[in-house]
Every structure is written in structure tokens, then in C-alpha cells.
Amino acid sequence: MKARDVAVQGVLAGVALVAAFFVWQREPSRAPGEVTVEDARASALDRIRYDEETRFVELFRDPQDRDTVWVRLGDKPAKPRAEAGGATEAGAPTRDAGSAAPDAGALAHASEAGALAGASDAGRAALDAGALARATSDAGSPATAGANTGSLPAVSDGGTQTGALANASSDAGTPASPAPVPPPRELRGNDVALKLFSRFAPLRAQRDLGVLDDKKLEEIGLAKTERGLTLTLDGTPRTFRLATPASGWGAPYLQRTSDGHVFLLGPGLLPDLEAASSRLVDRRLHTFDVDGFDHIVISTGTTSRAFVASGKPPGAVQLSPVDASGTPDDFARNWHDRLWRLTPVELLGRGEAPPGPAPTPAFRVEYQRGGKAVGELSMAKTPDGSWYARTEFTPGWTRMGGGLELLADDAAKLTAPR
């Protein structure tokens, strides 16, 4: 190649690089009339938090891997309920019963003095009982008569019951302690979460409605909303309030708390956050397919057995014992195909353990390629009969479906000494 040709190629390459730079730096295209709510670089966005009345969702970057997004799902403590009027009414008998106790004492003194005026019906009955006791006792024993007169079991029991009623009313008026809130669950985000994360920086809306008066804020639901959005940009939180139109249809309203401006947000941002547990969580057990490994090692207890693997997606992988690589094992292939097609029922968060005692290991599968481990799957069973698995990709344990006893029994058959 001549020097002239080399120079031409170099100039063309330089022009291409300059054009690519300007295209990369160019502001993304926007819909007609679209406005910017928060102008920020995508690299500056650290965290997105979406709040509702009873729960919250957070999307945040992994500090060690900025290309990975984590999803944090959490519940909020229940708000204490306002005391109903019935509690006050329930407390009324306590006050009446409490005032009855000193009245009973007054009746006792009245009986000793012989004054029965103004006594209650219960007091009169007690005094009549005392008079009857004196009539049947020895007339010459005034002390005994006095003792009988001063002893008013009915009034005394009534005082005890009054105290019990007071305690019951006091307990009834005390609100029950709210149920403890479980810790938030951190799960790995999928590709949808990664794309959604980038759409919040810069944050755009369909329209800028300006600063609205209190009446208008009340009409569109922003006056008393429990929903909110917080964007953390370079460590600084930017807060917003959210409200859905009264009809339940259409784009939500967004209010920037820093200046009160209200925006009509696009309809495509919030649905993924509202259904984060089903839309934004990566539910894969592995990131490789059946052509991503060439050996597997199945282990149960202290015994293990290795197989040569070969296959192409979406078909099942073919397995042959390493000591007979030319003889495919259909039993091992069918077993692994069942295992490979399992899907989690529930994903536990990072650092979260299954409830109750630790699960008992059942079997383990190690995936290798070129003599190096590329992944693994461990299956275990809890005392209540639940099955859990964990892999090199899951953040923690994942609860699997039932009926895996046969899979565990077949794993033991595959690893049994030949």
C-alpha cells in the first residue's frame, strides 16, 4: 500500500472518530413538547427510590460493578390507627365502676351509723343482709353484730370486679403493637431494570404545568399523596411527589419539591417500579447455556461422579461418563434436563437465609469448561419439606417447587459406586 493510500485511510478514520464522538455527545432525541425535569448525566445517577404508603422500591448501582443494578424491595411499618369512639365508650363503664367503689365505702359507714338515705340499691341490699345477720345472731354480742355489719362481701367483690373492669378497659384502649417489618430484600436486577435505570437521567416529562395553587393540587391528588420519587445524583437526593389521575388512567403527576413545579410524567416510567418484584428482578439461575460447559460433576454426600457434556441450545445436553466418554448415559441426560429446566418459586435476598433450621444438603452439581469451574448448583431441603437451591449467580437461596425428592434420589443413583 502506498503512502498516499495510508494517508487517505488515516484521514477517513479520523473523520469517523470525530463523527462518532459528536453523535455520542449529542442530546438524546425527545418527543415533541417534552421538557426536562432533572438534567443529569446517566453516570451521575446512583439510586432511584419509589415510595408508596406501605412499601418502597429502590434501584441502585453495584459499587463494584457499575453496570449491575440491584433491586431492593421493602415494606414500611404500619401506621397506628386513630382511636375509635367505641374506645371512649368502652372506657365509660370504668369511670362509673370506679366511682361506685367510694360509694360502696360510704354505704358501709352509713350502715354503721344507721343512715340509709341516698344509698344505692346495691347498698340497701347489703345493709338488709347485715340486718338479717344481726337478727339471727346472739342479741348480746354487739361486737359480733358490728363485725357482721361491717362485712359486706357483695360490695367488696364489686370493688374487685370494678378494678378488673378498669384494667380491661385500660387494655382495650391501648393500641396493639404493629407487627414487625421484615428487613428489605435485595435482588439482582435484570436487563429491564438496567434500561429503566438509564431512563431517569436525565428525567423528562410530557409537560410542565408550572406551580399550581392548593385547590388544584387537591384536585389532582398531590396535596395528600403518600407516593414519592427520590433520585440520588452524585450523592445528593432530589425529591418529587407523585399522584395518579382520579380516573386511574393517563400519565401521573409529578411535583418537584425544590420549587413546587408540577409536571405531567410519561406513562412508561412508573409501571415497572410498581411491579418491580415481577418485572425488574433477574430470575435466572445461570448466565450460561447448555453449550457453556463441557464437563459436570455430580456430588451427593462424600461420593461424586464426572460426566463429559456436549449440547447446543435449546436442546438437552448429552452426558457421558468420563471413563466411557463414547457411551452416552440417557439416565444422566434425562436427570440433568429436569434439573436444568427448574425455575425458582421465590428468590431470597442477598444474605437472607431460609426460615427455620438450616437446610440439609441433598446434592451438588459443578459445571466446568476447559478444566475450570464456570458455575455450580446446590440443592438442599428444610425440615418442613421445602426445597431450596443456590447457584453462582443467585444472590442467595431460592425456594423451588415441591416434589424434588425423586430428583435427589436419582442423584444418589448417579453417584453410587459402580
Protein backbone atom coordinates (compact mmCIF):
# COMPACT_ATOMS: atom_id res chain seq x y z
CA MET A 1 0.00 0.00 0.00
CA LYS A 2 1.31 3.43 -0.97
CA ALA A 3 1.86 6.26 1.46
CA ARG A 4 -0.93 8.21 -0.18
CA ASP A 5 -3.42 5.40 0.42
CA VAL A 6 -2.31 5.14 4.04
CA ALA A 7 -2.83 8.87 4.50
CA VAL A 8 -6.32 8.70 2.98
CA GLN A 9 -7.26 5.82 5.24
CA GLY A 10 -5.96 7.69 8.26
CA VAL A 11 -7.96 10.81 7.40
CA LEU A 12 -11.14 8.78 6.90
CA ALA A 13 -10.61 7.01 10.22
CA GLY A 14 -10.12 10.35 11.97
CA VAL A 15 -13.29 11.77 10.45
CA ALA A 16 -15.21 8.68 11.54
CA LEU A 17 -13.94 9.03 15.11
CA VAL A 18 -14.91 12.70 15.26
CA ALA A 19 -18.38 11.93 13.90
CA ALA A 20 -18.84 9.12 16.42
CA PHE A 21 -17.78 11.45 19.23
CA PHE A 22 -20.34 14.10 18.32
CA VAL A 23 -23.09 11.51 17.89
CA TRP A 24 -22.28 10.09 21.32
CA GLN A 25 -22.27 13.54 22.92
CA ARG A 26 -25.47 14.64 21.19
CA GLU A 27 -28.51 15.02 23.42
CA PRO A 28 -30.90 12.07 23.03
CA SER A 29 -33.90 12.67 20.81
CA ARG A 30 -37.07 13.63 22.62
CA ALA A 31 -40.77 13.70 21.83
CA PRO A 32 -42.34 16.98 20.68
CA GLY A 33 -43.12 19.23 23.65
CA GLU A 34 -41.11 17.12 26.08
CA VAL A 35 -39.50 19.03 28.98
CA THR A 36 -36.59 18.28 31.28
CA VAL A 37 -37.44 17.79 34.94
CA GLU A 38 -33.95 16.94 36.21
CA ASP A 39 -30.98 17.44 33.92
CA ALA A 40 -28.33 14.94 34.93
CA ARG A 41 -25.83 12.62 33.35
CA ALA A 42 -26.60 8.91 33.43
CA SER A 43 -23.27 8.28 35.17
CA ALA A 44 -24.28 10.64 38.00
CA LEU A 45 -27.38 8.63 38.94
CA ASP A 46 -26.65 6.39 41.93
CA ARG A 47 -30.08 5.42 43.23
CA ILE A 48 -33.80 5.57 42.43
CA ARG A 49 -36.34 5.21 45.22
CA TYR A 50 -40.07 4.85 44.66
CA ASP A 51 -42.32 5.16 47.73
CA GLU A 52 -45.90 4.11 48.34
CA GLU A 53 -47.87 4.15 51.58
CA THR A 54 -46.95 0.63 52.68
CA ARG A 55 -43.85 -0.28 50.65
CA PHE A 56 -40.87 1.04 48.72
CA VAL A 57 -38.66 0.02 45.80
CA GLU A 58 -35.05 1.06 45.26
CA LEU A 59 -32.80 0.61 42.25
CA PHE A 60 -29.10 1.24 42.84
CA ARG A 61 -25.80 0.55 41.15
CA ASP A 62 -23.40 -2.05 42.45
CA PRO A 63 -20.37 -0.15 43.86
CA GLN A 64 -18.01 -2.83 42.49
CA ASP A 65 -19.74 -3.13 39.11
CA ARG A 66 -21.47 0.00 37.83
CA ASP A 67 -23.08 -1.99 35.01
CA THR A 68 -25.05 -4.09 37.52
CA VAL A 69 -28.25 -2.77 39.08
CA TRP A 70 -29.73 -4.16 42.30
CA VAL A 71 -33.38 -4.03 43.33
CA ARG A 72 -34.30 -3.52 46.98
CA LEU A 73 -37.89 -4.35 47.96
CA GLY A 74 -39.14 -3.37 51.40
CA ASP A 75 -42.26 -2.82 53.49
CA LYS A 76 -42.94 0.14 55.73
CA PRO A 77 -44.16 -0.05 59.35
CA ALA A 78 -47.93 0.11 59.66
CA LYS A 79 -49.19 3.48 60.78
CA PRO A 80 -51.02 3.49 64.16
CA ARG A 81 -54.76 3.71 63.73
CA ALA A 82 -56.69 6.58 65.30
CA GLU A 83 -58.64 5.55 68.42
CA ALA A 84 -62.28 4.98 67.58
CA GLY A 85 -65.14 6.46 69.55
CA GLY A 86 -66.00 3.00 70.82
CA ALA A 87 -62.85 3.02 72.90
CA THR A 88 -64.09 6.09 74.76
CA GLU A 89 -67.47 4.50 75.27
CA ALA A 90 -65.78 1.33 76.44
CA GLY A 91 -63.89 3.40 78.95
CA ALA A 92 -67.09 4.95 80.35
CA PRO A 93 -68.03 1.91 82.47
CA THR A 94 -64.58 2.16 84.02
CA ARG A 95 -65.27 5.64 85.28
CA ASP A 96 -68.76 4.61 86.54
CA ALA A 97 -67.39 1.50 88.21
CA GLY A 98 -64.54 3.48 89.73
CA SER A 99 -66.96 5.96 91.26
CA ALA A 100 -69.04 3.07 92.59
CA ALA A 101 -66.18 1.90 94.82
CA PRO A 102 -66.11 5.01 97.07
CA ASP A 103 -69.92 4.96 97.09
CA ALA A 104 -69.74 1.42 98.42
CA GLY A 105 -67.41 2.57 101.18
CA ALA A 106 -69.79 5.38 102.06
CA LEU A 107 -72.61 2.87 102.30
CA ALA A 108 -70.59 0.81 104.78
CA HIS A 109 -70.15 3.83 107.03
CA ALA A 110 -73.79 4.67 106.57
CA SER A 111 -74.77 1.20 107.74
CA GLU A 112 -72.75 1.59 110.95
CA ALA A 113 -74.31 4.97 111.64
CA GLY A 114 -77.81 3.80 110.62
CA ALA A 115 -78.09 6.38 107.82
CA LEU A 116 -79.65 4.81 104.73
CA ALA A 117 -80.66 7.97 102.91
CA GLY A 118 -79.28 8.32 99.39
CA ALA A 119 -77.82 4.78 99.37
CA SER A 120 -77.88 2.84 96.12
CA ASP A 121 -79.98 -0.26 95.56
CA ALA A 122 -76.93 -2.46 95.92
CA GLY A 123 -76.07 -0.76 99.22
CA ARG A 124 -79.59 -1.22 100.57
CA ALA A 125 -79.49 -4.91 99.71
CA ALA A 126 -76.17 -5.28 101.51
CA LEU A 127 -77.47 -3.49 104.60
CA ASP A 128 -80.62 -5.62 104.64
CA ALA A 129 -78.41 -8.68 104.58
CA GLY A 130 -76.44 -7.26 107.50
CA ALA A 131 -79.62 -6.56 109.47
CA LEU A 132 -80.80 -10.13 108.87
CA ALA A 133 -77.47 -11.43 110.15
CA ARG A 134 -77.82 -9.38 113.33
CA ALA A 135 -81.36 -10.64 113.88
CA THR A 136 -80.28 -14.25 113.74
CA SER A 137 -77.12 -13.78 115.81
CA ASP A 138 -76.78 -13.51 119.60
CA ALA A 139 -78.52 -10.29 120.68
CA GLY A 140 -75.98 -9.84 123.46
CA SER A 141 -73.00 -9.74 121.18
CA PRO A 142 -72.77 -6.20 119.82
CA ALA A 143 -69.21 -6.77 118.70
CA THR A 144 -70.27 -9.67 116.56
CA ALA A 145 -73.16 -7.73 115.21
CA GLY A 146 -70.86 -4.85 114.39
CA ALA A 147 -68.47 -7.19 112.65
CA ASN A 148 -71.29 -8.64 110.62
CA THR A 149 -72.49 -5.16 109.83
CA GLY A 150 -69.07 -4.04 108.62
CA SER A 151 -68.57 -7.14 106.50
CA LEU A 152 -70.13 -6.52 103.09
CA PRO A 153 -68.93 -9.25 100.79
CA ALA A 154 -71.08 -8.08 97.91
CA VAL A 155 -69.58 -4.60 98.00
CA SER A 156 -66.05 -5.97 98.43
CA ASP A 157 -66.42 -8.32 95.43
CA GLY A 158 -67.89 -5.46 93.48
CA GLY A 159 -64.75 -3.44 94.19
CA THR A 160 -62.55 -6.28 92.91
CA GLN A 161 -64.64 -6.63 89.78
CA THR A 162 -64.51 -2.87 89.35
CA GLY A 163 -60.71 -3.00 89.32
CA ALA A 164 -60.78 -5.83 86.81
CA LEU A 165 -63.10 -3.83 84.58
CA ALA A 166 -60.81 -0.84 84.85
CA ASN A 167 -57.82 -2.92 83.82
CA ALA A 168 -59.76 -4.47 80.92
CA SER A 169 -60.88 -1.05 79.74
CA SER A 170 -57.34 0.26 80.05
CA ASP A 171 -56.01 -2.67 77.99
CA ALA A 172 -58.77 -2.21 75.43
CA GLY A 173 -57.85 1.44 74.99
CA THR A 174 -54.17 0.66 74.31
CA PRO A 175 -53.48 0.13 70.57
CA ALA A 176 -51.88 -3.18 69.68
CA SER A 177 -48.20 -3.09 68.79
CA PRO A 178 -47.66 -3.16 65.00
CA ALA A 179 -46.31 -6.36 63.51
CA PRO A 180 -42.54 -6.29 62.99
CA VAL A 181 -41.47 -5.35 59.48
CA PRO A 182 -39.12 -7.84 57.77
CA PRO A 183 -35.83 -6.43 56.51
CA PRO A 184 -35.70 -5.31 52.88
CA ARG A 185 -34.84 -7.92 50.27
CA GLU A 186 -32.01 -7.18 47.82
CA LEU A 187 -32.20 -8.94 44.46
CA ARG A 188 -30.22 -8.69 41.27
CA GLY A 189 -31.86 -6.55 38.58
CA ASN A 190 -32.47 -7.83 35.07
CA ASP A 191 -31.99 -6.11 31.70
CA VAL A 192 -35.32 -4.29 32.10
CA ALA A 193 -34.09 -2.79 35.38
CA LEU A 194 -30.84 -1.69 33.75
CA LYS A 195 -32.66 0.03 30.88
CA LEU A 196 -35.19 1.63 33.23
CA PHE A 197 -32.38 2.98 35.41
CA SER A 198 -30.86 4.86 32.48
CA ARG A 199 -34.22 6.47 31.61
CA PHE A 200 -34.24 8.53 34.83
CA ALA A 201 -31.14 10.55 33.96
CA PRO A 202 -31.98 12.96 32.55
CA LEU A 203 -35.57 12.79 33.84
CA ARG A 204 -38.08 14.06 31.31
CA ALA A 205 -41.83 14.74 31.34
CA GLN A 206 -44.53 15.40 28.76
CA ARG A 207 -45.48 18.85 30.02
CA ASP A 208 -44.56 21.46 32.62
CA LEU A 209 -47.76 22.61 34.36
CA GLY A 210 -45.98 25.20 36.48
CA VAL A 211 -46.73 26.00 40.13
CA LEU A 212 -50.35 25.17 40.99
CA ASP A 213 -52.49 26.54 43.85
CA ASP A 214 -53.63 24.41 46.78
CA LYS A 215 -57.09 23.81 45.31
CA LYS A 216 -55.65 22.44 42.09
CA LEU A 217 -53.15 20.31 43.98
CA GLU A 218 -56.07 18.86 45.91
CA GLU A 219 -57.93 18.10 42.71
CA ILE A 220 -55.09 16.18 41.09
CA GLY A 221 -54.15 14.30 44.28
CA LEU A 222 -50.83 15.93 45.11
CA ALA A 223 -51.99 17.60 48.33
CA LYS A 224 -52.12 14.42 50.46
CA THR A 225 -50.27 11.85 48.41
CA GLU A 226 -48.20 9.10 50.03
CA ARG A 227 -46.28 8.35 46.84
CA GLY A 228 -42.89 9.80 46.12
CA LEU A 229 -39.78 9.55 43.98
CA THR A 230 -36.20 10.25 45.03
CA LEU A 231 -33.24 10.40 42.65
CA THR A 232 -29.76 10.38 44.19
CA LEU A 233 -27.38 12.22 41.86
CA ASP A 234 -23.70 12.25 42.86
CA GLY A 235 -24.75 11.63 46.44
CA THR A 236 -27.39 14.40 46.54
CA PRO A 237 -31.07 13.38 46.80
CA ARG A 238 -33.66 15.12 44.61
CA THR A 239 -37.21 14.51 45.82
CA PHE A 240 -40.53 14.51 43.99
CA ARG A 241 -44.15 13.80 44.84
CA LEU A 242 -46.38 11.59 42.72
CA ALA A 243 -50.11 11.30 42.15
CA THR A 244 -52.24 9.26 39.78
CA PRO A 245 -55.17 10.95 37.99
CA ALA A 246 -58.50 10.47 39.76
CA SER A 247 -59.78 8.41 36.84
CA GLY A 248 -56.90 5.97 37.28
CA TRP A 249 -55.98 6.39 33.62
CA GLY A 250 -53.43 8.58 31.95
CA ALA A 251 -50.00 9.89 32.85
CA PRO A 252 -49.21 10.53 36.54
CA TYR A 253 -48.48 13.94 38.02
CA LEU A 254 -45.01 14.72 39.38
CA GLN A 255 -44.22 17.66 41.68
CA ARG A 256 -40.64 18.83 42.16
CA THR A 257 -40.35 19.67 45.85
CA SER A 258 -37.49 22.12 45.38
CA ASP A 259 -39.66 24.72 43.60
CA GLY A 260 -43.19 23.24 43.53
CA HIS A 261 -43.33 22.82 39.75
CA VAL A 262 -45.82 20.17 38.61
CA PHE A 263 -45.18 18.01 35.56
CA LEU A 264 -47.15 15.51 33.57
CA LEU A 265 -44.89 12.46 33.65
CA GLY A 266 -44.67 9.99 30.81
CA PRO A 267 -46.79 6.83 31.18
CA GLY A 268 -43.92 4.38 30.72
CA LEU A 269 -41.75 5.00 33.79
CA LEU A 270 -43.76 4.03 36.87
CA PRO A 271 -45.43 0.70 35.89
CA ASP A 272 -42.11 -1.16 36.10
CA LEU A 273 -41.42 0.29 39.55
CA GLU A 274 -44.93 -0.54 40.75
CA ALA A 275 -44.46 -4.18 39.69
CA ALA A 276 -40.75 -4.37 40.46
CA SER A 277 -40.83 -7.84 42.02
CA SER A 278 -42.06 -9.41 38.79
CA ARG A 279 -40.63 -7.08 36.12
CA LEU A 280 -37.24 -5.95 37.39
CA VAL A 281 -35.78 -9.00 39.16
CA ASP A 282 -33.37 -11.36 37.39
CA ARG A 283 -34.75 -14.86 38.00
CA ARG A 284 -32.05 -16.79 36.13
CA LEU A 285 -30.09 -19.50 37.89
CA HIS A 286 -27.15 -19.31 35.45
CA THR A 287 -25.89 -16.85 32.86
CA PHE A 288 -24.55 -19.58 30.54
CA ASP A 289 -26.49 -22.02 28.35
CA VAL A 290 -26.03 -25.74 27.70
CA ASP A 291 -23.14 -25.01 25.36
CA GLY A 292 -21.28 -23.09 28.07
CA PHE A 293 -19.74 -26.14 29.79
CA ASP A 294 -18.08 -29.36 28.72
CA HIS A 295 -17.99 -31.31 32.00
CA ILE A 296 -20.24 -31.65 35.02
CA VAL A 297 -19.51 -33.24 38.40
CA ILE A 298 -22.48 -34.54 40.42
CA SER A 299 -21.90 -34.95 44.17
CA THR A 300 -24.05 -36.45 46.93
CA GLY A 301 -22.54 -36.67 50.39
CA THR A 302 -18.97 -37.92 50.02
CA THR A 303 -19.40 -39.53 46.61
CA SER A 304 -19.22 -37.84 43.19
CA ARG A 305 -19.14 -38.72 39.51
CA ALA A 306 -17.97 -36.73 36.47
CA PHE A 307 -19.56 -36.64 33.04
CA VAL A 308 -18.50 -35.27 29.68
CA ALA A 309 -21.11 -32.79 28.42
CA SER A 310 -21.98 -31.70 24.90
CA GLY A 311 -25.01 -29.92 23.56
CA LYS A 312 -26.50 -26.99 21.72
CA PRO A 313 -29.36 -24.79 22.89
CA PRO A 314 -32.26 -25.21 23.10
CA GLY A 315 -31.78 -28.99 23.20
CA ALA A 316 -30.82 -31.10 26.19
CA VAL A 317 -27.16 -31.61 26.97
CA GLN A 318 -25.70 -35.05 26.23
CA LEU A 319 -23.82 -36.64 29.15
CA SER A 320 -21.30 -39.49 29.06
CA PRO A 321 -19.24 -40.86 31.97
CA VAL A 322 -15.62 -39.69 31.79
CA ASP A 323 -14.45 -43.29 31.97
CA ALA A 324 -16.66 -44.15 28.97
CA SER A 325 -16.88 -40.88 27.02
CA GLY A 326 -18.14 -42.63 23.92
CA THR A 327 -21.16 -44.12 25.69
CA PRO A 328 -23.97 -41.59 26.29
CA ASP A 329 -25.91 -42.06 29.52
CA ASP A 330 -29.59 -41.45 28.82
CA PHE A 331 -30.49 -41.68 32.51
CA ALA A 332 -28.00 -38.91 33.34
CA ARG A 333 -29.17 -36.79 30.39
CA ASN A 334 -32.83 -37.01 31.42
CA TRP A 335 -31.95 -36.25 35.04
CA HIS A 336 -29.92 -33.19 34.15
CA ASP A 337 -32.58 -31.97 31.71
CA ARG A 338 -35.14 -31.99 34.54
CA LEU A 339 -32.72 -30.13 36.76
CA TRP A 340 -31.82 -27.59 34.07
CA ARG A 341 -35.47 -26.68 33.45
CA LEU A 342 -36.31 -25.93 37.09
CA THR A 343 -37.43 -22.38 37.81
CA PRO A 344 -37.44 -20.64 41.20
CA VAL A 345 -40.71 -20.11 43.03
CA GLU A 346 -39.32 -17.41 45.34
CA LEU A 347 -36.00 -15.58 45.34
CA LEU A 348 -34.47 -14.82 48.72
CA GLY A 349 -32.42 -11.66 49.04
CA ARG A 350 -28.70 -11.18 49.39
CA GLY A 351 -27.61 -12.57 52.77
CA GLU A 352 -31.11 -13.91 53.55
CA ALA A 353 -31.39 -17.45 54.94
CA PRO A 354 -34.37 -19.80 54.63
CA PRO A 355 -36.71 -19.61 57.64
CA GLY A 356 -36.19 -22.11 60.43
CA PRO A 357 -33.26 -24.52 60.82
CA ALA A 358 -30.58 -24.62 58.16
CA PRO A 359 -31.46 -26.77 55.13
CA THR A 360 -29.85 -30.18 54.74
CA PRO A 361 -27.70 -30.54 51.57
CA ALA A 362 -29.07 -33.09 49.08
CA PHE A 363 -26.76 -32.88 46.06
CA ARG A 364 -24.47 -30.52 44.18
CA VAL A 365 -23.58 -30.05 40.51
CA GLU A 366 -20.41 -28.29 39.35
CA TYR A 367 -20.13 -27.03 35.77
CA GLN A 368 -16.70 -26.89 34.15
CA ARG A 369 -15.26 -25.64 30.89
CA GLY A 370 -11.67 -26.24 29.85
CA GLY A 371 -10.89 -27.68 33.28
CA LYS A 372 -12.12 -24.56 35.13
CA ALA A 373 -15.33 -24.14 37.12
CA VAL A 374 -17.87 -21.85 35.47
CA GLY A 375 -20.82 -22.45 37.77
CA GLU A 376 -22.45 -24.65 40.35
CA LEU A 377 -25.86 -25.57 41.78
CA SER A 378 -26.51 -26.77 45.32
CA MET A 379 -29.86 -28.28 46.31
CA ALA A 380 -31.00 -28.60 49.93
CA LYS A 381 -34.14 -29.47 51.88
CA THR A 382 -35.50 -27.84 55.04
CA PRO A 383 -37.15 -29.80 57.88
CA ASP A 384 -40.60 -28.61 56.76
CA GLY A 385 -40.12 -30.27 53.36
CA SER A 386 -39.29 -27.16 51.32
CA TRP A 387 -36.55 -27.31 48.70
CA TYR A 388 -34.01 -24.55 48.17
CA ALA A 389 -31.26 -24.05 45.60
CA ARG A 390 -28.41 -21.63 45.16
CA THR A 391 -26.04 -21.08 42.27
CA GLU A 392 -23.02 -18.99 41.34
CA PHE A 393 -25.38 -16.28 40.03
CA THR A 394 -28.21 -16.09 42.57
CA PRO A 395 -27.70 -13.57 45.40
CA GLY A 396 -28.78 -16.20 47.94
CA TRP A 397 -31.10 -19.17 48.35
CA THR A 398 -34.07 -19.60 46.02
CA ARG A 399 -37.15 -21.57 47.01
CA MET A 400 -38.01 -24.23 44.46
CA GLY A 401 -41.21 -26.14 43.84
CA GLY A 402 -42.12 -29.35 45.62
CA GLY A 403 -41.70 -32.94 44.51
CA LEU A 404 -37.91 -32.87 44.19
CA GLU A 405 -37.38 -35.99 46.30
CA LEU A 406 -37.20 -38.13 43.15
CA LEU A 407 -34.56 -35.80 41.70
CA ALA A 408 -32.47 -36.20 44.86
CA ASP A 409 -32.89 -39.98 44.84
CA ASP A 410 -31.78 -40.16 41.21
CA ALA A 411 -28.75 -38.02 42.01
CA ALA A 412 -27.74 -40.61 44.61
CA LYS A 413 -28.13 -43.35 41.98
CA LEU A 414 -25.94 -41.44 39.52
CA THR A 415 -23.13 -41.06 42.05
CA ALA A 416 -23.33 -44.56 43.51
CA PRO A 417 -20.08 -46.53 43.13
CA ARG A 418 -20.01 -48.69 40.00
